[in-house]
C-alpha cells in the first residue's frame, strides 16, 4: 500500500511512517514547501486551497494529521488558527479525494480527538456518545464534518479520536518530564478529572489497522481501556521517575488561564473507552499507565 501522510514530521506522523515502512508499505508526505523528492512528496497549501491532485492520485490511502497545535496561550487568533488549520486542510483533502473517485486513494484516516466529548465527569464515553460543549468539542465536530465530501463519494473514512499521546521526550510528556524529575510534579485542581491516554506505539498500531482493515470505519476512540484520574497520573508518573509529587495547583488558578484553556485542557474530565478497537480484536500493547510510562522511559 502507498500511504500519503500530512503532518508527517510531527510526533504521530514520524512514528507512523516508520511503522508502515517496516510493515512493507510505502509512504509519502504532503508538504507546504517546494517538492524536493517527487517520488515521495506531494505539494499542498491548505491556506490557499491548492493541492497537487495528480500527485495524490498515485497513492492508495491518505492519513491526515496536520493541524495547528492547541498548545500555547488561547488568544482569539490562536484559537481561530487551530480551527481553520483543521477544517480547511481536511476539507481540501476530502474534496480532492472525492473528485479523483476511483482514480485516487480509497481510504482516508483523518485525525480527531477525545476533546469531541467535552467535559463529562465520570461518564464512560464510547464512539456512540454525543458531542460535548466547549471550544475543543466544536473544533473536533467541525474537523470530522469537513471529511464529508470523501465519505459521500464512497471513500472509507476513519476518524481516530486520539487521547493524550505518551512518547518519551515528545508531545505531552516533553514539558512535564523535567518538572517531575525535579520533584515538582503536581496534582491539578481536585485531581479527580479523568485522563484518556495512549502510548505512541499503540497509536501507530491502531492507525495501521485502520488502513489495512476494511471493516474499520467511522469514529474510533484511540485511548487505552484504563483511563486514570489526574491524581493517579501524577502519582504514577512520579513513581516511574523515582521522585515525590506532593504539590497541588489550585483549580481557581488554572481556571483563570486565557480563552478557557485551563478548563478545557487541564481540568477537563474525559473517560473515553476504545469500544471500536476492542470489538475488532485490537489488543493494546500498553493498556495501563504504568506500562505505557515505563515503556517511554525504558526504550526512549
Protein backbone atom coordinates (compact mmCIF):
# COMPACT_ATOMS: atom_id res chain seq x y z
CA UNK A 1 0.00 0.00 0.00
CA UNK A 2 1.18 3.54 -0.78
CA UNK A 3 0.19 5.90 2.04
CA UNK A 4 0.32 9.70 1.83
CA UNK A 5 0.71 11.46 5.21
CA UNK A 6 0.07 15.06 6.16
CA UNK A 7 1.86 16.22 9.28
CA UNK A 8 4.49 13.60 8.51
CA UNK A 9 7.17 15.37 10.56
CA UNK A 10 5.03 15.63 13.67
CA UNK A 11 5.01 13.25 16.64
CA UNK A 12 2.49 10.77 15.25
CA UNK A 13 3.44 11.17 11.59
CA UNK A 14 7.10 10.38 12.21
CA UNK A 15 6.37 7.22 14.19
CA UNK A 16 3.59 6.11 11.84
CA UNK A 17 5.71 6.41 8.71
CA UNK A 18 8.43 4.31 10.34
CA UNK A 19 5.93 1.61 11.36
CA UNK A 20 4.30 1.48 7.93
CA UNK A 21 7.62 1.19 6.13
CA UNK A 22 8.69 -1.58 8.50
CA UNK A 23 5.44 -3.39 7.60
CA UNK A 24 6.30 -3.21 3.90
CA UNK A 25 4.19 -0.22 2.88
CA UNK A 26 5.45 2.87 1.03
CA UNK A 27 4.94 6.34 2.49
CA UNK A 28 4.88 9.82 1.07
CA UNK A 29 4.45 13.28 2.59
CA UNK A 30 2.19 16.21 1.87
CA UNK A 31 4.49 19.26 2.05
CA UNK A 32 3.85 23.01 2.00
CA UNK A 33 7.28 23.88 0.62
CA UNK A 34 8.61 23.19 -2.89
CA UNK A 35 8.74 19.48 -3.65
CA UNK A 36 12.30 18.14 -3.47
CA UNK A 37 11.63 14.43 -3.85
CA UNK A 38 8.84 13.91 -6.43
CA UNK A 39 8.70 10.16 -5.77
CA UNK A 40 7.70 10.64 -2.12
CA UNK A 41 6.38 14.20 -1.74
CA UNK A 42 3.18 15.95 -2.86
CA UNK A 43 2.70 19.71 -2.68
CA UNK A 44 -0.26 21.34 -0.98
CA UNK A 45 -1.21 24.65 0.61
CA UNK A 46 -4.35 24.48 2.75
CA UNK A 47 -4.37 28.24 3.28
CA UNK A 48 -4.78 28.90 -0.45
CA UNK A 49 -6.81 25.74 -1.11
CA UNK A 50 -4.32 24.22 -3.56
CA UNK A 51 -3.07 20.64 -3.80
CA UNK A 52 -1.36 18.52 -6.46
CA UNK A 53 -4.25 16.18 -7.21
CA UNK A 54 -2.19 14.20 -9.74
CA UNK A 55 0.37 13.54 -7.04
CA UNK A 56 -2.34 12.48 -4.59
CA UNK A 57 -3.75 10.07 -7.18
CA UNK A 58 -0.57 7.99 -7.03
CA UNK A 59 -1.44 6.80 -3.51
CA UNK A 60 -3.81 4.18 -2.13
CA UNK A 61 -4.60 5.90 1.17
CA UNK A 62 -4.20 9.22 2.98
CA UNK A 63 -3.53 9.77 6.68
CA UNK A 64 -4.32 13.35 7.63
CA UNK A 65 -2.62 14.53 10.82
CA UNK A 66 -1.70 18.15 10.08
CA UNK A 67 -3.10 20.97 12.18
CA UNK A 68 -2.04 23.84 14.39
CA UNK A 69 -1.09 22.67 17.87
CA UNK A 70 -3.54 23.55 20.64
CA UNK A 71 -0.56 24.26 22.91
CA UNK A 72 0.13 27.92 23.64
CA UNK A 73 -1.95 30.76 25.02
CA UNK A 74 -5.52 30.62 23.80
CA UNK A 75 -5.80 34.05 22.27
CA UNK A 76 -8.59 34.60 19.77
CA UNK A 77 -6.13 34.49 16.85
CA UNK A 78 -4.57 31.25 18.12
CA UNK A 79 -7.97 29.59 18.54
CA UNK A 80 -9.06 30.73 15.08
CA UNK A 81 -5.89 29.26 13.58
CA UNK A 82 -6.42 25.96 15.41
CA UNK A 83 -9.91 25.69 13.92
CA UNK A 84 -9.05 26.85 10.39
CA UNK A 85 -5.97 24.64 10.10
CA UNK A 86 -8.03 21.54 10.82
CA UNK A 87 -11.20 22.32 8.91
CA UNK A 88 -9.61 23.85 5.80
CA UNK A 89 -6.97 21.15 5.42
CA UNK A 90 -9.41 18.30 5.94
CA UNK A 91 -11.95 19.73 3.51
CA UNK A 92 -9.27 20.24 0.85
CA UNK A 93 -8.07 16.64 1.12
CA UNK A 94 -11.59 15.18 1.29
CA UNK A 95 -12.78 17.21 -1.70
CA UNK A 96 -9.73 16.20 -3.71
CA UNK A 97 -10.31 12.50 -2.98
CA UNK A 98 -13.97 12.89 -3.93
CA UNK A 99 -13.03 14.44 -7.29
CA UNK A 100 -10.48 11.71 -8.00
CA UNK A 101 -13.03 9.00 -7.26
CA UNK A 102 -11.87 5.53 -8.27
CA UNK A 103 -8.65 7.01 -9.69
CA UNK A 104 -7.39 8.10 -6.27
CA UNK A 105 -6.98 6.87 -2.69
CA UNK A 106 -9.92 4.89 -1.36
CA UNK A 107 -9.13 5.29 2.34
CA UNK A 108 -8.86 8.46 4.43
CA UNK A 109 -7.73 8.27 8.05
CA UNK A 110 -8.38 11.78 9.35
CA UNK A 111 -7.39 12.53 12.93
CA UNK A 112 -9.68 13.88 15.63
CA UNK A 113 -9.57 13.87 19.42
CA UNK A 114 -11.43 12.84 22.56
CA UNK A 115 -11.93 16.57 23.05
CA UNK A 116 -15.05 15.89 20.95
CA UNK A 117 -16.81 14.74 24.12
CA UNK A 118 -16.17 17.87 26.17
CA UNK A 119 -16.08 17.83 29.98
CA UNK A 120 -18.10 14.75 31.02
CA UNK A 121 -17.11 14.00 34.62
CA UNK A 122 -17.26 10.28 35.45
CA UNK A 123 -19.28 9.28 32.37
CA UNK A 124 -17.79 6.48 30.27
CA UNK A 125 -17.54 7.63 26.66
CA UNK A 126 -17.53 5.33 23.65
CA UNK A 127 -17.90 6.17 19.98
CA UNK A 128 -21.68 6.45 20.27
CA UNK A 129 -21.50 9.18 22.93
CA UNK A 130 -22.76 12.63 21.98
CA UNK A 131 -20.59 15.67 21.39
CA UNK A 132 -19.87 17.93 24.33
CA UNK A 133 -19.63 21.66 24.84
CA UNK A 134 -16.69 24.00 24.56
CA UNK A 135 -14.11 25.11 22.04
CA UNK A 136 -12.33 21.77 21.53
CA UNK A 137 -15.61 19.88 21.19
CA UNK A 138 -16.66 22.35 18.49
CA UNK A 139 -13.30 22.04 16.73
CA UNK A 140 -13.46 18.23 16.69
CA UNK A 141 -17.04 18.24 15.44
CA UNK A 142 -16.23 20.57 12.53
CA UNK A 143 -12.93 18.78 11.89
CA UNK A 144 -14.71 15.46 11.38
CA UNK A 145 -17.54 17.03 9.39
CA UNK A 146 -15.03 18.52 6.94
CA UNK A 147 -14.27 15.00 5.67
CA UNK A 148 -17.86 14.50 4.49
CA UNK A 149 -17.13 15.03 0.75
CA UNK A 150 -14.90 11.94 0.76
CA UNK A 151 -17.47 9.90 2.63
CA UNK A 152 -20.20 10.99 0.23
CA UNK A 153 -18.02 9.78 -2.65
CA UNK A 154 -17.88 6.26 -1.20
CA UNK A 155 -14.38 6.56 0.24
CA UNK A 156 -13.83 4.77 3.55
CA UNK A 157 -13.21 7.47 6.16
CA UNK A 158 -11.91 6.69 9.66
CA UNK A 159 -11.63 9.27 12.44
CA UNK A 160 -9.25 8.19 15.20
CA UNK A 161 -10.33 10.21 18.25
CA UNK A 162 -6.99 10.41 20.00
CA UNK A 163 -6.41 10.56 23.71
CA UNK A 164 -3.26 12.08 25.25
CA UNK A 165 -0.34 10.56 23.34
CA UNK A 166 2.57 9.41 25.52
CA UNK A 167 6.03 9.36 23.97
CA UNK A 168 9.44 9.87 25.54
CA UNK A 169 10.68 13.45 25.21
CA UNK A 170 7.87 14.43 22.84
CA UNK A 171 4.40 15.95 22.93
CA UNK A 172 2.54 15.87 26.25
CA UNK A 173 5.45 14.44 28.27
CA UNK A 174 8.10 16.84 26.95
CA UNK A 175 7.38 19.81 29.27
CA UNK A 176 6.31 17.61 32.21
CA UNK A 177 9.33 15.33 32.45
CA UNK A 178 11.87 17.94 33.66
CA UNK A 179 9.42 19.15 36.32
CA UNK A 180 8.60 15.67 37.59
CA UNK A 181 12.31 14.76 37.53
CA UNK A 182 12.95 17.65 39.93
CA UNK A 183 10.17 16.51 42.25
CA UNK A 184 7.90 19.33 41.07
CA UNK A 185 5.10 17.15 39.72
CA UNK A 186 1.72 18.45 40.85
CA UNK A 187 -1.88 17.33 41.04
CA UNK A 188 -4.00 19.75 39.03
CA UNK A 189 -7.13 21.10 40.70
CA UNK A 190 -9.05 18.41 42.55
CA UNK A 191 -7.17 15.67 40.69
CA UNK A 192 -10.45 13.81 40.16
CA UNK A 193 -10.69 14.61 36.45
CA UNK A 194 -10.25 11.61 34.14
CA UNK A 195 -7.40 11.47 31.62
CA UNK A 196 -7.61 9.31 28.49
CA UNK A 197 -4.12 8.44 27.25
CA UNK A 198 -2.38 6.08 24.84
CA UNK A 199 1.23 5.12 24.11
CA UNK A 200 2.57 6.24 20.73
CA UNK A 201 3.20 2.64 19.65
CA UNK A 202 -0.45 1.76 20.23
CA UNK A 203 -1.48 4.85 18.25
CA UNK A 204 0.53 3.80 15.22
CA UNK A 205 -0.57 0.16 15.52
CA UNK A 206 -4.20 1.31 15.61
CA UNK A 207 -3.72 3.54 12.57
CA UNK A 208 -2.05 0.72 10.65
CA UNK A 209 -5.10 -1.42 11.41
CA UNK A 210 -7.39 1.36 10.16
CA UNK A 211 -5.52 1.38 6.86
CA UNK A 212 -5.44 -2.39 6.44
CA UNK A 213 -8.84 -3.48 7.78
CA UNK A 214 -11.77 -2.53 5.57
CA UNK A 215 -14.30 -3.07 8.36
CA UNK A 216 -12.80 -0.28 10.50
CA UNK A 217 -14.90 2.72 9.52
CA UNK A 218 -16.18 5.94 11.03
CA UNK A 219 -15.21 7.10 14.51
CA UNK A 220 -12.71 5.07 16.54
CA UNK A 221 -11.55 6.05 20.03
CA UNK A 222 -7.79 5.63 20.36
CA UNK A 223 -7.16 5.58 24.10
CA UNK A 224 -6.41 2.72 26.47
CA UNK A 225 -9.30 0.90 28.18
CA UNK A 226 -7.92 2.00 31.57
CA UNK A 227 -8.12 5.81 31.87
CA UNK A 228 -6.87 7.32 35.14
CA UNK A 229 -7.61 10.38 37.24
CA UNK A 230 -5.15 13.25 37.25
CA UNK A 231 -4.22 12.39 40.83
CA UNK A 232 -3.34 8.83 39.77
CA UNK A 233 -1.45 10.08 36.73
CA UNK A 234 0.65 12.40 38.90
CA UNK A 235 1.49 9.71 41.45
CA UNK A 236 2.25 7.09 38.81
CA UNK A 237 4.46 9.37 36.70
CA UNK A 238 6.42 10.47 39.78
CA UNK A 239 6.82 6.84 40.87
CA UNK A 240 8.16 5.75 37.47
CA UNK A 241 10.78 8.52 37.73
CA UNK A 242 11.50 7.71 41.37
CA UNK A 243 10.51 11.18 42.55
CA UNK A 244 7.98 12.57 45.03
CA UNK A 245 4.91 14.53 43.94
CA UNK A 246 3.34 16.37 46.85
CA UNK A 247 2.38 19.63 45.14
CA UNK A 248 -1.09 20.70 44.05
CA UNK A 249 -2.10 23.64 41.86
CA UNK A 250 -5.47 25.07 42.96
CA UNK A 251 -8.32 24.94 40.49
CA UNK A 252 -9.05 28.66 40.72
CA UNK A 253 -5.58 29.49 39.35
CA UNK A 254 -5.91 27.10 36.41
CA UNK A 255 -9.42 28.33 35.63
CA UNK A 256 -8.03 31.85 35.07
CA UNK A 257 -5.90 30.87 32.09
CA UNK A 258 -6.99 32.76 28.94
CA UNK A 259 -9.58 31.51 26.47
CA UNK A 260 -10.84 28.78 28.78
CA UNK A 261 -7.70 26.70 28.16
CA UNK A 262 -7.37 25.81 31.85
CA UNK A 263 -10.83 24.29 31.94
CA UNK A 264 -10.60 22.56 28.55
CA UNK A 265 -7.00 21.32 28.59
CA UNK A 266 -6.23 20.77 32.28
CA UNK A 267 -9.39 20.47 34.36
CA UNK A 268 -11.47 18.69 31.72
CA UNK A 269 -12.62 15.15 32.55
CA UNK A 270 -12.86 12.60 29.73
CA UNK A 271 -13.16 8.88 30.39
CA UNK A 272 -13.01 7.51 26.85
CA UNK A 273 -13.36 3.80 26.06
CA UNK A 274 -11.93 2.21 22.88
CA UNK A 275 -15.00 0.09 22.15
CA UNK A 276 -14.48 0.15 18.40
CA UNK A 277 -10.91 -1.14 18.57
CA UNK A 278 -11.70 -3.77 21.17
CA UNK A 279 -14.69 -5.01 19.15
CA UNK A 280 -12.31 -5.52 16.22
CA UNK A 281 -9.92 -7.59 18.31
CA UNK A 282 -7.28 -4.92 18.81
CA UNK A 283 -5.02 -5.60 21.79
CA UNK A 284 -3.18 -2.71 23.43
CA UNK A 285 0.50 -3.36 23.96
CA UNK A 286 0.48 -0.84 26.82
CA UNK A 287 -3.02 -0.93 28.35
CA UNK A 288 -2.09 0.61 31.72
CA UNK A 289 -0.48 3.93 32.60
CA UNK A 290 2.44 2.33 34.40
CA UNK A 291 3.23 0.05 31.44
CA UNK A 292 2.99 2.98 28.99
CA UNK A 293 5.24 5.26 31.06
CA UNK A 294 7.79 2.55 31.80
CA UNK A 295 7.96 1.81 28.06
CA UNK A 296 8.50 5.50 27.29
CA UNK A 297 11.47 5.81 29.61
CA UNK A 298 12.89 2.35 29.05
CA UNK A 299 13.01 2.50 25.28
CA UNK A 300 13.27 6.27 24.80
